[in-house]
Protein backbone atom coordinates (compact mmCIF):
# COMPACT_ATOMS: atom_id res chain seq x y z
CA MET A 1 34.99 -29.35 -0.67
CA GLU A 2 34.95 -25.57 -0.29
CA CYS A 3 32.25 -22.91 -0.02
CA LYS A 4 31.44 -21.41 -3.41
CA ASN A 5 30.77 -18.03 -1.78
CA CYS A 6 33.83 -17.47 0.46
CA GLN A 7 36.11 -20.44 -0.48
CA LYS A 8 36.21 -21.69 3.13
CA GLN A 9 37.09 -25.40 3.49
CA LEU A 10 34.05 -27.52 4.37
CA ALA A 11 33.42 -30.95 5.78
CA PRO A 12 31.46 -33.39 3.58
CA SER A 13 28.60 -33.40 6.10
CA ASP A 14 28.25 -29.59 6.28
CA LYS A 15 24.87 -28.14 5.25
CA PHE A 16 25.85 -24.51 5.86
CA CYS A 17 29.17 -22.68 5.70
CA GLY A 18 30.54 -22.02 9.18
CA ASN A 19 32.29 -18.88 7.94
CA CYS A 20 29.68 -16.96 5.88
CA GLY A 21 26.53 -18.88 6.77
CA ALA A 22 25.64 -19.67 3.16
CA ARG A 23 23.63 -22.78 2.43
CA ILE A 24 25.60 -25.54 0.71
CA VAL A 25 23.93 -26.31 -2.61
CA ASP A 26 25.13 -29.52 -4.23
CA GLN A 27 21.97 -30.23 -6.21
CA GLN A 28 21.72 -29.88 -9.97
CA LEU A 29 19.69 -26.90 -11.17
CA THR A 30 16.32 -28.12 -12.46
CA TYR A 31 12.88 -26.58 -12.97
CA ARG A 32 11.61 -28.41 -9.90
CA TYR A 33 14.50 -27.19 -7.78
CA LEU A 34 13.96 -23.63 -9.00
CA ALA A 35 10.24 -23.79 -8.12
CA ASN A 36 11.02 -25.15 -4.65
CA GLU A 37 13.64 -22.48 -4.13
CA MET A 38 11.21 -19.69 -5.04
CA SER A 39 8.46 -21.08 -2.82
CA GLU A 40 10.87 -21.47 0.10
CA ARG A 41 12.63 -18.12 -0.14
CA PHE A 42 9.76 -15.89 -1.18
CA PHE A 43 6.36 -17.45 -0.59
CA ASN A 44 7.22 -19.97 2.14
CA VAL A 45 4.34 -22.07 0.83
CA GLU A 46 5.38 -25.20 2.71
CA ASN A 47 4.96 -23.44 6.04
CA ASN A 48 1.65 -21.76 5.09
CA LEU A 49 3.16 -18.43 6.13
CA ILE A 50 1.07 -16.44 3.66
CA LEU A 51 -2.26 -17.84 4.84
CA ARG A 52 -1.21 -17.63 8.48
CA THR A 53 -0.11 -14.02 8.08
CA ILE A 54 -3.33 -13.03 6.30
CA LYS A 55 -5.43 -14.75 8.96
CA ASP A 56 -3.54 -13.25 11.91
CA MET A 57 -3.57 -9.77 10.35
CA PHE A 58 -7.35 -10.10 10.62
CA VAL A 59 -7.49 -11.71 14.07
CA ARG A 60 -4.51 -10.24 15.95
CA PRO A 61 -2.58 -7.75 13.83
CA GLY A 62 -0.93 -6.20 16.87
CA ALA A 63 0.72 -9.50 17.75
CA VAL A 64 2.01 -9.98 14.18
CA ILE A 65 3.55 -6.52 14.05
CA ASP A 66 4.85 -6.52 17.62
CA GLY A 67 6.39 -9.94 17.05
CA TYR A 68 8.20 -8.75 13.92
CA ILE A 69 9.49 -5.65 15.73
CA HIS A 70 10.90 -7.81 18.52
CA GLY A 71 12.60 -10.31 16.23
CA VAL A 72 10.01 -13.05 15.59
CA ARG A 73 10.62 -14.08 11.98
CA LYS A 74 9.38 -17.67 11.61
CA ARG A 75 5.69 -17.38 12.49
CA HIS A 76 4.60 -14.91 9.82
CA LEU A 77 5.67 -13.52 6.47
CA GLY A 78 8.23 -10.75 6.86
CA VAL A 79 7.19 -7.17 6.19
CA ALA A 80 9.28 -6.94 2.99
CA ASN A 81 7.80 -10.14 1.52
CA TYR A 82 4.28 -9.11 2.52
CA LEU A 83 4.79 -5.77 0.79
CA ALA A 84 6.23 -7.45 -2.30
CA LEU A 85 3.17 -9.71 -2.49
CA ALA A 86 0.87 -6.70 -2.15
CA ILE A 87 2.64 -4.75 -4.91
CA THR A 88 2.53 -7.80 -7.19
CA LEU A 89 -1.22 -8.25 -6.70
CA SER A 90 -1.83 -4.50 -7.03
CA GLY A 91 0.05 -4.39 -10.33
CA LEU A 92 -1.83 -7.44 -11.58
CA PHE A 93 -5.15 -5.86 -10.62
CA LEU A 94 -4.35 -2.65 -12.50
CA PHE A 95 -3.27 -4.64 -15.56
CA ILE A 96 -6.53 -6.64 -15.54
CA MET A 97 -8.59 -3.49 -15.00
CA GLN A 98 -6.93 -1.58 -17.85
CA LYS A 99 -6.95 -4.56 -20.21
CA PHE A 100 -10.47 -5.88 -19.71
CA PHE A 101 -12.53 -3.37 -17.74
CA GLN A 102 -11.94 0.05 -19.26
CA GLU A 103 -15.68 0.80 -19.08
CA ASN A 104 -15.52 0.47 -15.28
CA MET A 105 -13.15 3.43 -15.06
CA ASP A 106 -15.59 6.14 -16.13
CA MET A 107 -15.41 9.21 -13.88
CA ALA A 108 -18.38 11.15 -15.26
CA TRP A 109 -20.41 10.36 -12.12
CA MET A 110 -18.11 12.66 -10.12
CA GLY A 111 -19.57 15.73 -11.86
CA GLN A 112 -17.41 18.77 -12.67
CA GLU A 113 -17.84 18.38 -16.42
CA ASP A 114 -15.56 21.38 -16.95
CA ASN A 115 -12.71 19.72 -15.06
CA PRO A 116 -9.92 19.09 -17.62
CA MET A 117 -8.71 16.16 -15.52
CA LEU A 118 -12.03 14.41 -16.23
CA GLN A 119 -11.98 15.29 -19.92
CA ASP A 120 -8.42 14.14 -20.52
CA THR A 121 -7.51 11.15 -18.35
CA SER A 122 -4.04 10.65 -19.81
CA TRP A 123 -2.68 11.60 -16.39
CA LEU A 124 -4.12 8.29 -15.14
CA ASP A 125 -1.72 6.44 -17.42
CA PHE A 126 1.12 8.24 -15.68
CA MET A 127 -0.19 7.18 -12.26
CA TYR A 128 -0.70 3.58 -13.39
CA GLU A 129 2.77 3.38 -14.87
CA TYR A 130 4.41 4.49 -11.65
CA GLN A 131 1.87 3.04 -9.22
CA SER A 132 4.49 0.87 -7.45
CA ILE A 133 6.69 3.89 -6.77
CA MET A 134 3.71 5.91 -5.56
CA TYR A 135 2.57 3.00 -3.40
CA LEU A 136 5.97 2.86 -1.71
CA ALA A 137 6.21 6.64 -1.40
CA PHE A 138 2.91 6.97 0.46
CA ILE A 139 3.75 4.42 3.17
CA PRO A 140 6.36 6.66 4.88
CA PHE A 141 3.80 9.47 4.63
CA TYR A 142 1.16 7.34 6.41
CA ALA A 143 3.76 6.48 9.06
CA LEU A 144 4.48 10.17 9.59
CA LEU A 145 0.76 10.89 10.00
CA ALA A 146 0.50 8.11 12.58
CA LYS A 147 3.50 9.45 14.49
CA LEU A 148 1.88 12.89 14.62
CA THR A 149 -1.40 11.31 15.74
CA PHE A 150 0.20 9.38 18.60
CA PHE A 151 2.38 12.30 19.68
CA ASN A 152 1.60 11.72 23.39
CA TYR A 153 2.72 8.06 23.34
CA ARG A 154 6.35 8.95 23.90
CA GLY A 155 7.43 5.50 24.98
CA ARG A 156 5.99 3.80 21.88
CA ASN A 157 6.01 6.49 19.22
CA ASN A 158 8.99 5.29 17.23
CA TYR A 159 8.79 6.29 13.56
CA LEU A 160 10.34 3.00 12.45
CA HIS A 161 7.61 1.11 14.32
CA HIS A 162 4.96 3.23 12.59
CA LEU A 163 6.66 2.44 9.28
CA ILE A 164 6.34 -1.29 9.98
CA ILE A 165 2.69 -0.87 11.06
CA ALA A 166 1.81 1.18 7.97
CA THR A 167 3.56 -1.28 5.64
CA TYR A 168 1.82 -4.32 7.10
CA SER A 169 -1.56 -2.55 7.18
CA GLN A 170 -1.48 -1.15 3.64
CA ALA A 171 -0.07 -4.38 2.22
CA HIS A 172 -2.79 -6.40 3.97
CA ILE A 173 -5.56 -4.20 2.55
CA SER A 174 -4.14 -4.54 -0.97
CA ILE A 175 -3.90 -8.32 -0.64
CA VAL A 176 -7.37 -8.97 0.80
CA THR A 177 -9.12 -6.55 -1.61
CA PHE A 178 -7.59 -8.13 -4.72
CA LEU A 179 -10.32 -10.76 -5.26
CA PRO A 180 -13.20 -8.44 -4.20
CA GLY A 181 -11.81 -5.87 -6.65
CA ILE A 182 -11.91 -8.40 -9.49
CA LEU A 183 -15.45 -9.34 -8.46
CA ILE A 184 -16.73 -5.75 -8.56
CA MET A 185 -15.20 -5.42 -12.02
CA LEU A 186 -17.08 -8.54 -13.17
CA LEU A 187 -20.30 -7.14 -11.67
CA GLY A 188 -19.87 -3.94 -13.67
CA ILE A 189 -19.45 -1.68 -10.63
CA ASN A 190 -17.52 1.53 -11.27
CA PHE A 191 -14.00 1.23 -9.91
CA PHE A 192 -13.83 4.81 -8.64
CA LYS A 193 -17.16 4.46 -6.85
CA TYR A 194 -15.82 1.29 -5.26
CA THR A 195 -12.71 3.16 -4.15
CA TYR A 196 -14.61 6.22 -2.93
CA PHE A 197 -17.32 4.43 -0.96
CA PHE A 198 -15.54 1.23 0.12
CA SER A 199 -11.73 1.29 -0.07
CA PHE A 200 -11.18 4.65 1.60
CA PRO A 201 -13.47 3.93 4.62
CA LEU A 202 -11.93 0.44 4.85
CA ILE A 203 -8.43 1.91 5.13
CA ILE A 204 -9.51 4.20 7.96
CA VAL A 205 -11.41 1.51 9.89
CA TYR A 206 -8.79 -1.21 9.47
CA SER A 207 -5.89 1.10 10.35
CA ALA A 208 -7.74 2.09 13.53
CA TYR A 209 -8.28 -1.59 14.32
CA VAL A 210 -4.57 -2.36 13.83
CA TYR A 211 -3.48 0.49 16.10
CA LYS A 212 -6.04 -0.49 18.73
CA SER A 213 -4.59 -4.00 18.67
CA PHE A 214 -0.99 -2.80 18.70
CA TYR A 215 -1.35 -0.25 21.52
CA GLN A 216 -4.01 -2.23 23.43
CA ILE A 217 -6.15 0.87 23.96
CA SER A 218 -9.87 1.34 24.49
CA LEU A 219 -12.45 1.88 21.78
CA GLY A 220 -13.03 5.47 22.92
CA LYS A 221 -9.33 6.33 22.68
CA ILE A 222 -8.91 4.84 19.22
CA ILE A 223 -12.00 6.72 17.98
CA GLY A 224 -10.47 9.95 19.27
CA LYS A 225 -7.13 9.15 17.62
CA THR A 226 -8.90 8.29 14.37
CA LEU A 227 -10.67 11.64 14.32
CA LEU A 228 -7.36 13.39 15.02
CA PHE A 229 -5.73 11.36 12.24
CA ILE A 230 -8.45 12.43 9.79
CA VAL A 231 -7.98 16.10 10.71
CA ILE A 232 -4.19 15.94 10.31
CA THR A 233 -4.53 13.95 7.09
CA SER A 234 -7.03 16.40 5.59
CA ILE A 235 -4.78 19.37 6.25
CA LEU A 236 -1.66 17.70 4.86
CA TYR A 237 -3.49 16.13 1.91
CA VAL A 238 -4.79 19.49 0.74
CA GLY A 239 -1.23 20.77 0.69
CA LEU A 240 -0.01 17.58 -0.96
CA TRP A 241 -2.55 17.68 -3.79
CA ILE A 242 -1.94 21.35 -4.43
CA GLY A 243 1.73 20.40 -4.78
CA ILE A 244 0.80 17.56 -7.15
CA TYR A 245 -1.32 19.95 -9.24
CA ILE A 246 1.63 22.33 -9.49
CA ILE A 247 3.99 19.52 -10.53
CA LEU A 248 1.52 18.20 -13.13
CA MET A 249 1.13 21.70 -14.57
CA LEU A 250 4.88 22.33 -14.66
CA THR A 251 5.47 19.00 -16.42
CA GLY A 252 2.68 19.69 -18.92
CA VAL A 253 0.43 16.81 -17.83
CA ILE A 254 -2.31 19.36 -17.03
CA ASP A 255 -2.75 22.37 -19.28
CA PHE A 256 -2.71 25.51 -17.12
CA GLN A 257 -4.79 27.53 -19.60
CA GLU A 258 -7.55 24.90 -19.66
CA MET A 259 -7.49 24.80 -15.89
CA MET A 260 -7.93 28.57 -15.63
CA GLU A 261 -10.81 28.54 -18.12
CA ALA A 262 -12.50 25.81 -16.13
CA GLN A 263 -12.02 27.83 -12.97
CA LYS A 264 -13.76 30.83 -14.56
CA ALA A 265 -16.64 28.60 -15.61
CA ALA A 266 -17.10 27.26 -12.09
CA GLN A 267 -19.86 28.58 -9.90
CA GLU A 268 -19.32 32.01 -8.42
CA GLY A 269 -17.58 31.94 -5.07
CA THR A 270 -16.30 28.38 -5.50
CA SER A 271 -12.61 27.74 -5.86
CA TYR A 272 -11.93 25.24 -8.63
CA ILE A 273 -8.64 24.09 -7.15
CA ALA A 274 -10.10 23.69 -3.66
CA SER A 275 -13.12 21.71 -4.88
CA SER A 276 -10.94 19.52 -7.06
CA VAL A 277 -8.52 18.91 -4.21
CA ILE A 278 -11.39 17.79 -1.97
CA ASN A 279 -12.76 15.39 -4.61
CA TRP A 280 -9.44 13.87 -5.60
CA THR A 281 -8.28 13.61 -1.99
CA SER A 282 -11.38 11.52 -1.33
């Protein structure tokens, strides 16, 4: 018998190839085998890794992340699989929301009736279509913000570590808010109100909790770092959303002429772009 991957000769009792490390598969492909393979490789259902990871990301997130950084791979779901699960649930949530709960996506409560982005929400379709890419793109940005926030922790201010922390944290929030998100849709609560008043504060509070657990620092220090994080984030987000506005105008998603007319109609002394940036950043 030989390995089907590298053609190395094998003994009849071999379970893995001694040359390439591949698992020896001598079982016929069936639906049951395929289901077991998916659960073992991706979900690890038999080891309860998903439930254990979710629980420990609540109870001791610092230990989960620190363990992964230092090579512990069997106790919890890996960062890539956790992220994949989060993106899957996030995409499913958006599909359900768009398919069955369109009335929950009304943005009239935000005011700014003259805002063309509230009158024509076709730009939302663009964001929904590429939500996975945007989700992935923002994680390195969060990691950069965290690195700037913990600038004085020179011994433990590795950008790659912040990338792992941000990925685990954001993925965990997406996973645990999936069912509550469906519930608020069923209760008729506006999705954007839910995001504005619940999701955004939750991200701040939980991220602070994760970093407190990871760095083992006092409550006072993490509060100070959280305030610094908010300041840095606000400054960079204003610049980011101005850049997004420019891109959307250049690509024709937002009509520049309509935007200028809305700016003229705004209250005297108030910058339309600045006020919109503040609202949409929130």
